Amino acid sequence: MKNLIVLIAFQFFCFPAFSENYTLSGDNNGSLSRSGRVLSFHWYYNNRKFDMDLILGDDFEVLQSYFTNQRGYNSDYRKRQFNDPGRNIIHTVAQFLKDRSEENGYDTGEFILHFVQALRYDDNNHQIERFPSETLIDYAGDCSDTALLYASLMQEINISNILLQYKQGNHLAVGIWSNDRNGTYYPYIGRKYYYCETTGSGFAFGEAPEDTVAEEAVIIP
């Protein structure tokens, strides 16, 4: 059964007007339709289609200028996450996703993970280091972009997480704190942080690519 569409209005940021509608497809049967100031997200979880509409406000150019002028965080991932000028967008989306997962009796961490996995993979030849809200608006990103988006969404609903950096494989993933799951986890400060892959489609919570976890991870709190 198709889930209800939600309209989330933002007063301070908008998307520039388009002369016609168009759609971007993700890697996991997800898509983003843009029409004027409305961004319509579509993705699947548990064999159900979910939809979310974002209505952005009037000052997108200010936000876009900030994205462009504040590049250069590079591997300082947490600084890029916590200096995201669109954190109000992340907070609202995170709360919406949490509410939808709880309404349907789903696992919140895995539900949000599937939402992020649906985004289109785009590394831009590693020329752009996106902020989490920028990844959301672009509906695209590489492993560091989508990992930071997922970490930000989980942080906004008060779920502890760590970043897992694999330098040899040039990869970034997320570890989510949990005590009652199965799968690959990393012990940190007496807790178990389960691996979450944000770029591959269909990876479950705690499921990790073998070639990635064969390498020792650098934990970024």
Foldseek 3Di string as FASTA:
>chain_A
DEDDEDEAEEAAAFDAADPDKDKDFFDARWIWIDHGRKIKIWFDDPRYIYIYIYRYHDHNVVLVVCQVPPDDCQPVLVVLAVPRPVLVVLLVVLVVLQVVCVVVVHDSLQSVLQSLQRAHEDCVVVPHDGRQVRCVVVSYYHQSNSQSVSCSSCVSVPWDKKWWAFVVVRHIWMWTWDDDDDADWDDDPNTTTATRGRHHHPAGTRRDDPVRVVGHTDIGD
